[in-house]
Amino acid sequence: MTPDSEPASAAPEGAEPTDRALMARVRTGDAVAFGALVERHSPLIYRVAYRLLGDGHEAEDVVQETFTRLWTNAPQWKPNGGGLGAWLRRVGMNLCFDRLRKTKRIAPEEPPEAPDDTPRADAAMVSDEIGKTVDKCLRELPERQAAALVLSYYEGLSNIESAQALEVKVKALESLLVRARKKMRELLEREGVLAADVEQLT
């Protein structure tokens, strides 16, 4: 039995209340319980949105709108389909997709200058440049492929959790990941970044 499927009163004294227990209070207009849910779940929503959109303000807007919808829909919310976390991830992902479809991003950044023959002593600068290239390539992927990579690899969600967020079957998610990895490898190689270079960041 998962925490979200437990009765609202099941949490032992002194333990963190479950999402379900907090939602029972949010339904009555309890702003403190709502704030606890925002604190618990907003970091992941923000990280995913930032990875996909590449803009901190946009990511903050996604977080705000996600939780606005939670507050608005609290009276009708039911703990199914993976619980509150899965519901929030679905809402956040769909908001990101809406923004991506509207903005039709064309890489705004100047391509990095070709390195000169001088050895670069600062390894952190090299890692930072690789990281920026990885993020740039990630945002060139089809939106659902990018989302699958972000959820599964950056956030470490299980295939079931990632599939729930994307509202697809697990087999469909696995297919997305295969295509995403292949395309990502092609994009990185185009930028002169090898798999071994990316592994240095982990």
Protein backbone atom coordinates (compact mmCIF):
# COMPACT_ATOMS: atom_id res chain seq x y z
CA MET A 1 0.00 0.00 0.00
CA THR A 2 1.43 3.38 -0.98
CA PRO A 3 1.36 6.45 1.29
CA ASP A 4 -1.23 8.10 -0.96
CA SER A 5 -3.58 5.14 -0.55
CA GLU A 6 -3.47 5.19 3.26
CA PRO A 7 -6.28 6.70 5.31
CA ALA A 8 -5.69 10.35 6.13
CA SER A 9 -5.36 9.49 9.83
CA ALA A 10 -2.81 6.71 9.33
CA ALA A 11 0.37 8.80 9.74
CA PRO A 12 1.95 8.19 13.14
CA GLU A 13 2.33 11.09 15.52
CA GLY A 14 5.34 13.23 14.65
CA ALA A 15 5.62 11.79 11.12
CA GLU A 16 5.29 13.89 7.98
CA PRO A 17 1.63 13.88 6.88
CA THR A 18 0.93 12.04 3.64
CA ASP A 19 -0.09 13.87 0.50
CA ARG A 20 -3.56 12.44 0.95
CA ALA A 21 -3.83 13.78 4.49
CA LEU A 22 -2.70 17.22 3.37
CA MET A 23 -5.12 17.22 0.44
CA ALA A 24 -7.98 16.43 2.80
CA ARG A 25 -7.12 19.69 4.57
CA VAL A 26 -6.57 21.62 1.34
CA ARG A 27 -10.11 20.72 0.30
CA THR A 28 -11.34 22.72 3.29
CA GLY A 29 -9.25 25.75 2.30
CA ASP A 30 -6.29 25.05 4.60
CA ALA A 31 -3.50 27.28 3.24
CA VAL A 32 -0.90 25.80 5.62
CA ALA A 33 -1.46 22.30 4.22
CA PHE A 34 -1.33 23.72 0.70
CA GLY A 35 1.98 25.42 1.49
CA ALA A 36 3.38 22.10 2.73
CA LEU A 37 2.48 20.46 -0.57
CA VAL A 38 4.05 23.29 -2.54
CA GLU A 39 7.26 22.95 -0.52
CA ARG A 40 7.29 19.18 -0.96
CA HIS A 41 6.63 18.96 -4.70
CA SER A 42 7.63 22.26 -6.30
CA PRO A 43 11.42 21.57 -6.53
CA LEU A 44 10.93 18.62 -8.91
CA ILE A 45 8.37 20.50 -11.02
CA TYR A 46 10.75 23.44 -11.28
CA ARG A 47 13.77 21.32 -12.23
CA VAL A 48 11.87 19.49 -14.96
CA ALA A 49 10.40 22.72 -16.34
CA TYR A 50 13.78 24.41 -16.33
CA ARG A 51 15.42 21.52 -18.17
CA LEU A 52 12.74 21.55 -20.85
CA LEU A 53 12.26 25.30 -21.23
CA GLY A 54 15.75 26.60 -20.42
CA ASP A 55 14.30 29.67 -18.71
CA GLY A 56 14.04 30.21 -14.97
CA HIS A 57 11.12 32.64 -15.21
CA GLU A 58 9.18 30.27 -17.45
CA ALA A 59 9.89 27.41 -15.05
CA GLU A 60 8.64 29.49 -12.11
CA ASP A 61 5.47 30.28 -14.07
CA VAL A 62 4.91 26.57 -14.68
CA VAL A 63 5.29 25.84 -10.97
CA GLN A 64 2.90 28.64 -10.04
CA GLU A 65 0.27 27.58 -12.56
CA THR A 66 0.59 23.91 -11.57
CA PHE A 67 -0.18 24.68 -7.94
CA THR A 68 -2.88 27.20 -8.85
CA ARG A 69 -4.62 24.35 -10.64
CA LEU A 70 -4.12 22.12 -7.61
CA TRP A 71 -5.79 24.68 -5.34
CA THR A 72 -8.61 25.25 -7.82
CA ASN A 73 -9.24 21.54 -8.37
CA ALA A 74 -8.75 20.43 -4.76
CA PRO A 75 -12.44 19.75 -4.09
CA GLN A 76 -12.62 17.32 -7.03
CA TRP A 77 -9.15 15.74 -6.66
CA LYS A 78 -9.04 11.99 -6.01
CA PRO A 79 -5.94 9.95 -5.00
CA ASN A 80 -5.65 7.68 -8.01
CA GLY A 81 -3.39 7.21 -11.02
CA GLY A 82 -0.18 7.33 -8.99
CA GLY A 83 -1.26 9.83 -6.35
CA LEU A 84 -0.73 13.54 -6.02
CA GLY A 85 2.90 13.54 -7.18
CA ALA A 86 1.95 11.89 -10.47
CA TRP A 87 -0.95 14.33 -10.95
CA LEU A 88 1.31 17.33 -10.38
CA ARG A 89 3.94 15.98 -12.78
CA ARG A 90 1.29 15.46 -15.47
CA VAL A 91 0.00 19.01 -15.08
CA GLY A 92 3.53 20.45 -15.08
CA MET A 93 4.57 18.47 -18.16
CA ASN A 94 1.48 19.56 -20.11
CA LEU A 95 2.12 23.20 -19.21
CA CYS A 96 5.69 22.84 -20.47
CA PHE A 97 4.47 21.28 -23.70
CA ASP A 98 2.02 24.17 -24.20
CA ARG A 99 4.85 26.68 -23.85
CA LEU A 100 7.16 24.76 -26.16
CA ARG A 101 4.50 24.62 -28.86
CA LYS A 102 3.86 28.36 -28.59
CA THR A 103 7.43 29.55 -28.62
CA LYS A 104 8.99 27.44 -31.42
CA ARG A 105 12.43 28.03 -29.97
CA ILE A 106 15.33 28.77 -32.32
CA ALA A 107 18.67 28.47 -30.50
CA PRO A 108 19.24 32.00 -29.16
CA GLU A 109 22.77 31.36 -28.04
CA GLU A 110 25.84 32.02 -30.13
CA PRO A 111 27.69 28.81 -30.94
CA PRO A 112 30.75 28.42 -28.72
CA GLU A 113 33.98 29.70 -30.17
CA ALA A 114 36.41 27.08 -31.41
CA PRO A 115 39.01 26.39 -28.73
CA ASP A 116 42.53 27.63 -29.36
CA ASP A 117 45.68 25.55 -28.87
CA THR A 118 46.21 26.79 -25.30
CA PRO A 119 45.48 24.06 -22.74
CA ARG A 120 42.55 24.97 -20.53
CA ALA A 121 43.65 24.54 -16.94
CA ASP A 122 40.23 25.11 -15.41
CA ALA A 123 38.39 21.78 -15.63
CA ALA A 124 35.26 23.35 -14.16
CA MET A 125 34.99 25.62 -17.20
CA VAL A 126 35.21 22.62 -19.50
CA SER A 127 32.49 20.80 -17.55
CA ASP A 128 30.31 23.89 -17.60
CA GLU A 129 30.66 24.19 -21.39
CA ILE A 130 29.78 20.52 -21.85
CA GLY A 131 26.80 20.94 -19.55
CA LYS A 132 25.52 23.89 -21.57
CA THR A 133 25.89 21.90 -24.78
CA VAL A 134 23.98 18.96 -23.29
CA ASP A 135 21.15 21.29 -22.22
CA LYS A 136 21.08 22.91 -25.65
CA CYS A 137 20.84 19.52 -27.39
CA LEU A 138 18.19 18.36 -24.93
CA ARG A 139 15.97 21.27 -25.94
CA GLU A 140 16.39 20.36 -29.62
CA LEU A 141 14.76 16.98 -29.06
CA PRO A 142 11.05 16.45 -29.76
CA GLU A 143 9.26 17.57 -26.60
CA ARG A 144 8.11 14.15 -25.39
CA GLN A 145 11.52 12.58 -25.99
CA ALA A 146 13.14 15.38 -24.00
CA ALA A 147 10.59 14.96 -21.23
CA ALA A 148 11.20 11.22 -21.06
CA LEU A 149 14.95 11.78 -20.66
CA VAL A 150 14.49 14.47 -18.02
CA LEU A 151 12.10 12.41 -15.92
CA SER A 152 13.96 9.12 -16.20
CA TYR A 153 17.62 10.22 -16.15
CA TYR A 154 17.83 13.65 -14.55
CA GLU A 155 15.10 13.05 -11.95
CA GLY A 156 15.56 9.29 -11.59
CA LEU A 157 11.85 8.45 -11.74
CA SER A 158 10.88 4.87 -12.47
CA ASN A 159 9.51 3.98 -15.90
CA ILE A 160 6.06 3.66 -14.36
CA GLU A 161 6.25 7.13 -12.78
CA SER A 162 7.62 8.70 -15.96
CA ALA A 163 4.92 7.02 -18.05
CA GLN A 164 2.24 8.33 -15.71
CA ALA A 165 3.57 11.88 -16.03
CA LEU A 166 3.54 11.63 -19.82
CA GLU A 167 0.21 9.77 -19.85
CA VAL A 168 1.58 6.90 -21.92
CA LYS A 169 2.05 3.15 -21.45
CA VAL A 170 5.37 1.95 -20.05
CA LYS A 171 6.21 0.32 -23.41
CA ALA A 172 5.61 3.65 -25.15
CA LEU A 173 7.88 5.37 -22.65
CA GLU A 174 10.63 2.82 -23.29
CA SER A 175 10.30 3.49 -27.02
CA LEU A 176 10.55 7.24 -26.38
CA LEU A 177 13.73 6.71 -24.38
CA VAL A 178 15.34 4.58 -27.10
CA ARG A 179 14.64 7.24 -29.73
CA ALA A 180 15.67 10.05 -27.39
CA ARG A 181 19.02 8.48 -26.55
CA LYS A 182 19.78 7.87 -30.24
CA LYS A 183 18.85 11.43 -31.24
CA MET A 184 20.70 12.92 -28.28
CA ARG A 185 23.85 11.03 -29.22
CA GLU A 186 23.61 12.39 -32.78
CA LEU A 187 23.11 15.96 -31.56
CA LEU A 188 26.01 15.76 -29.12
CA GLU A 189 28.34 14.31 -31.73
CA ARG A 190 27.37 17.16 -34.05
CA GLU A 191 28.52 19.54 -31.30
CA GLY A 192 31.77 17.60 -30.82
CA VAL A 193 30.73 16.11 -27.46
CA LEU A 194 31.30 12.39 -26.94
CA ALA A 195 29.51 10.11 -24.51
CA ALA A 196 32.68 9.88 -22.42
CA ASP A 197 32.69 13.68 -22.08
CA VAL A 198 29.12 13.67 -20.76
CA GLU A 199 29.96 10.94 -18.25
CA GLN A 200 32.48 13.30 -16.68
CA LEU A 201 29.59 15.44 -15.48
CA THR A 202 27.91 12.65 -13.51
